[in-house]
Amino acid sequence: MQVRTLGLGIVPVILAAYLPLSTSAVQPQAVASDAPLSALWVQPHDLRAQDLFNGPWGAARAPDPDAVYTYLRPKKGGTNPGLVVQDPAGREWHVKQPPNNNNGEEGPVEVTVSRVLSAVGYHQPPVYFLRSFMMRDAKGTRRVPGGRFRLHDSKMHSRGKWFWQQNPFIGTRPFQGLLVILLAFNSFDLKSSNNSVYDVRLSGNRTEQWYVVRDLGAALGESARLSPSRNDPERFERQTFITGIRDGFVTFSYHGWHPELFRGRIVPADLEWAATLLSGLSDRQWDDAFRAGGYTPAVADRFIRKLHANIARAQQFSNAPPTGAVERR
C-alpha cells in the first residue's frame, strides 16, 4: 500500500497546487493507493433523505429499550466506565456509561457526531443511545445507567487502528474535510487509537475495507489537552472555530493533541468542501441527530446554533484566495 505521511519527515512527498472547488458539487480528489477513497468516504446520494435519528444501520439494529440485558464483562479501554452486555436476541453490545468526573458525558456526543459523519459520507459502526436499561448479573436484575450502545457485528472485523499522521488519504479533500468537520464540533481527542480499519462483509460475499473514526465523544465542549470539558453547551458556545488565514492556510483555535494535523495543512477550499456537506443537512436532520443522542430540544438548539455559526464561519473564510495551498500526493 502506498501510504501518505503528515509531518513525519520520513517519506518524501510531491507537492502540487490545489484546484479551487466549486460549491455546486462536492467532488473528491483521487487517491493513488490500493486503498480506494471509498474506504474513507462515499459521496452521499440525496443527503436530505438521510435518517439522522436511526442512522445508516436503521431502527431494526437499535437496542431494545424495554429488554433485559445480560452482563458479560467490563468494557476494556477508554477513560469512561462501561460494560459489555447481551440482549435477548443474542446480540453483543459495548456500552459506554457516564463518567465518574465532571468532564461531561461522552455517549450523547458520540452518537450525535456519528450520525452527522455517516450522513455526509463517512463510514461509522452501528451506535445508539439509551439513557438507562435493565441488566441482569450475579446480583440480580436492576436498572443501570446507559449511554452509547455499540453493536458488535460479526460482519465487521477490525484489523486494528489507522494513523492520522500516516494513511492513504492525506491531502485528499475528504480527509481534509473530515478534519474540518471534527473541528467544527470542537473534537479535541484525535488519537489514532480511536481509529479502526474494518473488513466489512457485504452481500454476495463481497468485502469492503472501511477506515473509521470511532469514540467521537470528546467534543461539543472546550479545546484543551488536560481535562477539557465535553458535552458542555456553554463552553462550546464560547469556543472560537477559525481564527483566520495565514500564508494561504486556515488557522484554527485548536488546543488539543496533535496540532500538526491542522497547522499549515488546511486551505480555504477544504473549508468550502466541508461546509457544503454540512450545510446540506436540514433543520430536521440536525434535530434528529441530537435527538438520537438523547438531548432535550433546549440543549440541542444551543449546540445546533453554534454549529450553524461554525459552518457560516467556514463559508466566510472559504472565499479567501488559496495562495500557498498545496496538496500532498
Protein backbone atom coordinates (compact mmCIF):
# COMPACT_ATOMS: atom_id res chain seq x y z
CA MET A 1 0.00 0.00 0.00
CA GLN A 2 1.25 3.48 -0.82
CA VAL A 3 0.85 5.37 2.44
CA ARG A 4 0.95 9.13 2.74
CA THR A 5 2.53 10.74 5.76
CA LEU A 6 1.90 14.02 7.52
CA GLY A 7 4.60 15.76 9.49
CA LEU A 8 6.77 12.64 9.95
CA GLY A 9 9.70 13.75 7.80
CA ILE A 10 10.38 10.17 6.69
CA VAL A 11 8.72 9.51 3.36
CA PRO A 12 9.29 12.10 0.57
CA VAL A 13 6.21 13.69 -0.91
CA ILE A 14 5.41 15.53 -4.11
CA LEU A 15 3.61 18.85 -3.73
CA ALA A 16 1.08 20.12 -6.24
CA ALA A 17 -1.29 23.08 -6.23
CA TYR A 18 -4.83 22.58 -5.00
CA LEU A 19 -7.52 23.28 -7.54
CA PRO A 20 -10.34 25.59 -6.41
CA LEU A 21 -13.54 23.73 -5.51
CA SER A 22 -16.97 24.91 -6.63
CA THR A 23 -19.79 24.90 -4.08
CA SER A 24 -22.07 23.45 -6.75
CA ALA A 25 -20.57 19.99 -6.32
CA VAL A 26 -18.67 18.03 -3.70
CA GLN A 27 -16.02 16.12 -5.59
CA PRO A 28 -13.14 14.19 -4.01
CA GLN A 29 -9.60 14.12 -5.32
CA ALA A 30 -8.12 10.85 -6.45
CA VAL A 31 -6.07 8.64 -4.17
CA ALA A 32 -3.08 6.89 -5.72
CA SER A 33 -3.20 3.86 -3.44
CA ASP A 34 -4.59 0.35 -3.29
CA ALA A 35 -6.94 1.65 -0.58
CA PRO A 36 -9.68 3.36 -2.59
CA LEU A 37 -11.05 6.69 -1.44
CA SER A 38 -14.36 4.92 -0.83
CA ALA A 39 -12.69 3.19 2.12
CA LEU A 40 -12.81 6.56 3.90
CA TRP A 41 -15.67 8.45 2.27
CA VAL A 42 -18.53 7.84 -0.16
CA GLN A 43 -20.38 10.78 -1.67
CA PRO A 44 -23.89 10.76 -0.19
CA HIS A 45 -26.82 10.44 -2.54
CA ASP A 46 -29.88 12.53 -1.68
CA LEU A 47 -28.44 13.96 1.51
CA ARG A 48 -31.80 15.33 2.66
CA ALA A 49 -33.21 11.78 2.68
CA GLN A 50 -30.66 10.52 5.24
CA ASP A 51 -32.14 9.33 8.55
CA LEU A 52 -30.12 11.00 11.31
CA PHE A 53 -32.18 9.57 14.15
CA ASN A 54 -31.76 5.86 13.41
CA GLY A 55 -28.59 6.30 11.37
CA PRO A 56 -27.40 4.21 8.41
CA TRP A 57 -27.97 0.93 10.28
CA GLY A 58 -31.66 1.68 10.79
CA ALA A 59 -34.17 1.15 13.57
CA ALA A 60 -34.03 -2.64 13.19
CA ARG A 61 -30.46 -2.72 14.55
CA ALA A 62 -31.22 -0.47 17.53
CA PRO A 63 -31.07 -1.81 21.10
CA ASP A 64 -34.48 -2.56 22.63
CA PRO A 65 -35.11 -0.04 25.44
CA ASP A 66 -37.53 -2.47 27.14
CA ALA A 67 -35.31 -5.58 27.03
CA VAL A 68 -33.36 -7.10 29.90
CA TYR A 69 -29.67 -7.31 29.03
CA THR A 70 -27.29 -9.90 30.43
CA TYR A 71 -23.96 -8.71 31.79
CA LEU A 72 -20.96 -10.36 30.09
CA ARG A 73 -17.82 -8.49 31.17
CA PRO A 74 -16.40 -4.99 31.80
CA LYS A 75 -15.54 -2.85 28.80
CA LYS A 76 -11.81 -2.66 28.08
CA GLY A 77 -10.02 0.58 27.36
CA GLY A 78 -11.14 4.17 27.45
CA THR A 79 -11.45 6.66 30.28
CA ASN A 80 -15.18 6.21 30.89
CA PRO A 81 -16.69 3.22 32.69
CA GLY A 82 -18.56 0.69 30.64
CA LEU A 83 -19.52 -2.90 30.15
CA VAL A 84 -20.40 -5.50 27.55
CA VAL A 85 -23.91 -6.94 27.60
CA GLN A 86 -26.01 -9.33 25.54
CA ASP A 87 -29.61 -8.72 24.53
CA PRO A 88 -32.33 -11.43 24.35
CA ALA A 89 -31.61 -11.87 20.63
CA GLY A 90 -28.00 -12.84 21.40
CA ARG A 91 -26.51 -9.58 20.12
CA GLU A 92 -23.48 -8.23 21.96
CA TRP A 93 -23.38 -4.54 22.88
CA HIS A 94 -20.46 -2.43 24.14
CA VAL A 95 -21.90 0.22 26.45
CA LYS A 96 -20.04 3.43 27.32
CA GLN A 97 -21.56 4.81 30.51
CA PRO A 98 -21.41 8.30 32.10
CA PRO A 99 -18.06 9.22 33.68
CA ASN A 100 -17.27 9.50 37.36
CA ASN A 101 -15.98 13.06 36.95
CA ASN A 102 -17.28 16.43 35.82
CA ASN A 103 -15.76 16.42 32.33
CA GLY A 104 -19.07 15.66 30.60
CA GLU A 105 -20.79 12.58 29.25
CA GLU A 106 -19.41 11.12 26.01
CA GLY A 107 -22.29 8.87 24.91
CA PRO A 108 -24.68 11.56 23.63
CA VAL A 109 -21.85 13.35 21.83
CA GLU A 110 -20.55 10.21 20.19
CA VAL A 111 -23.92 9.16 18.81
CA THR A 112 -24.74 12.65 17.54
CA VAL A 113 -21.39 13.22 15.81
CA SER A 114 -21.52 9.69 14.38
CA ARG A 115 -24.93 10.42 12.86
CA VAL A 116 -23.65 13.54 11.13
CA LEU A 117 -20.48 11.87 9.84
CA SER A 118 -22.37 8.90 8.41
CA ALA A 119 -24.95 11.18 6.75
CA VAL A 120 -22.26 13.14 4.89
CA GLY A 121 -20.47 10.02 3.70
CA TYR A 122 -18.04 8.76 6.35
CA HIS A 123 -18.29 5.13 7.47
CA GLN A 124 -19.49 4.54 11.02
CA PRO A 125 -20.24 1.45 13.14
CA PRO A 126 -23.77 0.87 14.50
CA VAL A 127 -24.10 3.12 17.56
CA TYR A 128 -27.21 4.13 19.50
CA PHE A 129 -28.05 5.80 22.80
CA LEU A 130 -30.12 4.62 25.76
CA ARG A 131 -30.33 6.75 28.90
CA SER A 132 -30.76 3.63 31.08
CA PHE A 133 -31.55 -0.07 30.70
CA MET A 134 -32.40 -3.19 32.65
CA MET A 135 -29.43 -5.50 33.29
CA ARG A 136 -29.20 -8.98 34.80
CA ASP A 137 -25.99 -10.11 36.53
CA ALA A 138 -24.93 -12.12 39.58
CA LYS A 139 -26.58 -9.54 41.86
CA GLY A 140 -29.95 -9.79 40.19
CA THR A 141 -31.88 -7.62 37.73
CA ARG A 142 -31.90 -3.85 38.09
CA ARG A 143 -31.91 -0.61 36.11
CA VAL A 144 -28.44 0.81 35.44
CA PRO A 145 -27.12 3.93 33.68
CA GLY A 146 -26.99 3.55 29.93
CA GLY A 147 -25.06 5.57 27.38
CA ARG A 148 -23.63 4.79 23.99
CA PHE A 149 -24.53 1.29 22.76
CA ARG A 150 -22.21 -0.02 20.03
CA LEU A 151 -23.22 -3.27 18.37
CA HIS A 152 -20.60 -5.96 17.89
CA ASP A 153 -21.45 -7.03 14.34
CA SER A 154 -19.93 -10.29 13.10
CA LYS A 155 -19.85 -8.82 9.58
CA MET A 156 -17.37 -6.17 10.72
CA HIS A 157 -13.88 -7.42 11.56
CA SER A 158 -11.44 -4.88 12.96
CA ARG A 159 -7.91 -5.15 11.58
CA GLY A 160 -6.52 -2.64 14.05
CA LYS A 161 -6.01 1.10 14.12
CA TRP A 162 -5.08 3.53 11.38
CA PHE A 163 -2.98 6.64 11.98
CA TRP A 164 -3.96 10.25 11.49
CA GLN A 165 -0.36 11.10 10.58
CA GLN A 166 0.16 8.20 8.14
CA ASN A 167 -2.61 6.87 5.92
CA PRO A 168 -3.52 6.63 2.21
CA PHE A 169 -5.79 9.70 2.22
CA ILE A 170 -3.64 12.57 3.48
CA GLY A 171 -4.02 15.60 1.23
CA THR A 172 -7.32 14.48 -0.29
CA ARG A 173 -10.35 16.69 0.07
CA PRO A 174 -12.36 14.11 2.07
CA PHE A 175 -9.52 13.66 4.59
CA GLN A 176 -9.01 17.41 4.95
CA GLY A 177 -12.77 17.88 5.11
CA LEU A 178 -13.06 15.26 7.86
CA LEU A 179 -10.62 17.25 9.98
CA VAL A 180 -12.60 20.45 9.37
CA ILE A 181 -15.88 18.75 10.34
CA LEU A 182 -14.38 17.35 13.54
CA LEU A 183 -13.03 20.78 14.42
CA ALA A 184 -16.47 22.30 13.80
CA PHE A 185 -17.66 20.02 16.63
CA ASN A 186 -14.55 21.02 18.62
CA SER A 187 -13.32 17.44 18.75
CA PHE A 188 -10.13 17.53 20.80
CA ASP A 189 -9.14 13.88 21.29
CA LEU A 190 -7.83 12.96 17.86
CA LYS A 191 -5.88 9.89 18.91
CA SER A 192 -5.05 7.20 16.37
CA SER A 193 -6.14 4.62 18.94
CA ASN A 194 -9.69 5.82 18.31
CA ASN A 195 -9.46 4.84 14.63
CA SER A 196 -10.19 1.37 13.26
CA VAL A 197 -9.77 -0.32 9.90
CA TYR A 198 -12.63 -2.75 9.31
CA ASP A 199 -13.11 -5.55 6.83
CA VAL A 200 -16.86 -5.38 6.22
CA ARG A 201 -18.61 -8.40 4.72
CA LEU A 202 -21.38 -7.41 2.34
CA SER A 203 -23.98 -9.32 0.37
CA GLY A 204 -22.70 -11.63 -2.34
CA ASN A 205 -19.59 -12.46 -0.29
CA ARG A 206 -18.11 -9.08 -1.13
CA THR A 207 -15.80 -7.43 1.37
CA GLU A 208 -15.03 -3.74 1.70
CA GLN A 209 -12.39 -2.04 3.77
CA TRP A 210 -13.52 0.88 5.93
CA TYR A 211 -11.34 3.48 7.63
CA VAL A 212 -13.49 4.53 10.60
CA VAL A 213 -13.13 7.24 13.25
CA ARG A 214 -14.69 5.85 16.43
CA ASP A 215 -15.06 7.05 20.03
CA LEU A 216 -16.21 10.52 18.96
CA GLY A 217 -17.43 11.59 22.39
CA ALA A 218 -14.63 14.07 23.15
CA ALA A 219 -16.30 17.05 21.51
CA LEU A 220 -19.01 19.73 21.87
CA GLY A 221 -17.12 21.45 24.66
CA GLU A 222 -13.79 23.19 25.04
CA SER A 223 -10.49 22.51 23.29
CA ALA A 224 -7.65 21.68 25.69
CA ARG A 225 -5.16 18.95 26.47
CA LEU A 226 -5.63 18.46 30.20
CA SER A 227 -9.12 17.54 31.49
CA PRO A 228 -11.14 19.51 28.93
CA SER A 229 -14.89 19.68 29.28
CA ARG A 230 -17.02 17.87 26.71
CA ASN A 231 -20.76 17.94 26.08
CA ASP A 232 -20.98 21.44 27.54
CA PRO A 233 -23.11 23.92 25.55
CA GLU A 234 -21.85 26.99 27.41
CA ARG A 235 -18.19 26.21 26.82
CA PHE A 236 -18.88 25.10 23.24
CA GLU A 237 -20.61 28.41 22.52
CA ARG A 238 -17.56 30.33 23.79
CA GLN A 239 -15.07 28.47 21.60
CA THR A 240 -13.65 30.17 18.51
CA PHE A 241 -13.60 27.91 15.46
CA ILE A 242 -11.50 29.63 12.78
CA THR A 243 -9.10 32.45 13.61
CA GLY A 244 -8.02 33.45 10.10
CA ILE A 245 -5.86 32.68 7.07
CA ARG A 246 -2.07 32.74 7.23
CA ASP A 247 0.13 32.20 4.17
CA GLY A 248 -2.83 30.63 2.38
CA PHE A 249 -3.63 28.17 5.17
CA VAL A 250 -6.52 28.23 7.61
CA THR A 251 -5.70 28.78 11.28
CA PHE A 252 -7.93 27.32 14.00
CA SER A 253 -8.41 27.89 17.70
CA TYR A 254 -7.42 24.32 18.49
CA HIS A 255 -5.66 23.46 21.75
CA GLY A 256 -5.97 19.67 21.80
CA TRP A 257 -3.45 16.98 21.00
CA HIS A 258 -1.77 16.77 17.57
CA PRO A 259 -1.99 20.35 16.27
CA GLU A 260 0.30 19.22 13.42
CA LEU A 261 -2.80 17.79 11.75
CA PHE A 262 -4.06 21.33 11.13
CA ARG A 263 -1.13 23.72 11.23
CA GLY A 264 -0.21 24.67 7.65
CA ARG A 265 -2.40 21.89 6.21
CA ILE A 266 -5.97 23.10 5.69
CA VAL A 267 -6.74 25.50 2.82
CA PRO A 268 -9.88 27.57 2.15
CA ALA A 269 -11.11 25.05 -0.42
CA ASP A 270 -11.19 22.41 2.32
CA LEU A 271 -13.46 24.67 4.34
CA GLU A 272 -15.73 25.09 1.34
CA TRP A 273 -15.90 21.34 0.77
CA ALA A 274 -16.80 20.57 4.39
CA ALA A 275 -19.24 23.49 4.70
CA THR A 276 -21.01 22.37 1.52
CA LEU A 277 -21.61 18.96 3.06
CA LEU A 278 -22.75 20.19 6.46
CA SER A 279 -24.96 22.95 5.08
CA GLY A 280 -26.80 20.32 3.04
CA LEU A 281 -28.41 18.92 6.19
CA SER A 282 -31.91 20.18 7.00
CA ASP A 283 -33.02 21.62 10.34
CA ARG A 284 -34.98 18.45 10.97
CA GLN A 285 -31.89 16.31 10.35
CA TRP A 286 -29.85 18.34 12.84
CA ASP A 287 -32.65 17.95 15.37
CA ASP A 288 -32.79 14.20 14.71
CA ALA A 289 -29.02 13.81 15.17
CA PHE A 290 -29.20 15.37 18.64
CA ARG A 291 -32.41 13.53 19.48
CA ALA A 292 -30.54 10.29 18.67
CA GLY A 293 -28.03 11.30 21.36
CA GLY A 294 -30.78 11.78 23.94
CA TYR A 295 -30.60 15.58 24.08
CA THR A 296 -33.50 17.73 25.15
CA PRO A 297 -34.68 20.22 22.48
CA ALA A 298 -33.45 23.21 24.51
CA VAL A 299 -29.89 21.89 24.85
CA ALA A 300 -29.83 20.61 21.27
CA ASP A 301 -30.84 24.06 20.00
CA ARG A 302 -27.84 25.66 21.69
CA PHE A 303 -25.40 23.20 20.14
CA ILE A 304 -27.04 23.47 16.72
CA ARG A 305 -26.95 27.28 16.70
CA LYS A 306 -23.22 27.21 17.42
CA LEU A 307 -22.64 24.56 14.73
CA HIS A 308 -24.52 26.70 12.20
CA ALA A 309 -22.32 29.62 13.23
CA ASN A 310 -19.23 27.48 12.66
CA ILE A 311 -20.48 26.44 9.22
CA ALA A 312 -21.12 30.10 8.33
CA ARG A 313 -17.61 30.93 9.55
CA ALA A 314 -16.17 28.24 7.28
CA GLN A 315 -18.13 29.61 4.32
CA GLN A 316 -16.86 33.10 5.08
CA PHE A 317 -13.21 32.06 5.01
CA SER A 318 -13.63 29.64 2.11
CA ASN A 319 -13.73 32.64 -0.22
CA ALA A 320 -10.18 33.61 0.68
CA PRO A 321 -7.57 33.14 -2.08
CA PRO A 322 -5.81 29.75 -1.70
CA THR A 323 -2.34 31.29 -2.01
CA GLY A 324 0.35 28.89 -0.91
CA ALA A 325 -2.01 25.94 -0.64
CA VAL A 326 -0.55 22.59 -1.56
CA GLU A 327 -1.68 19.02 -1.94
CA ARG A 328 0.28 16.00 -0.79
CA ARG A 329 0.35 13.14 -3.25
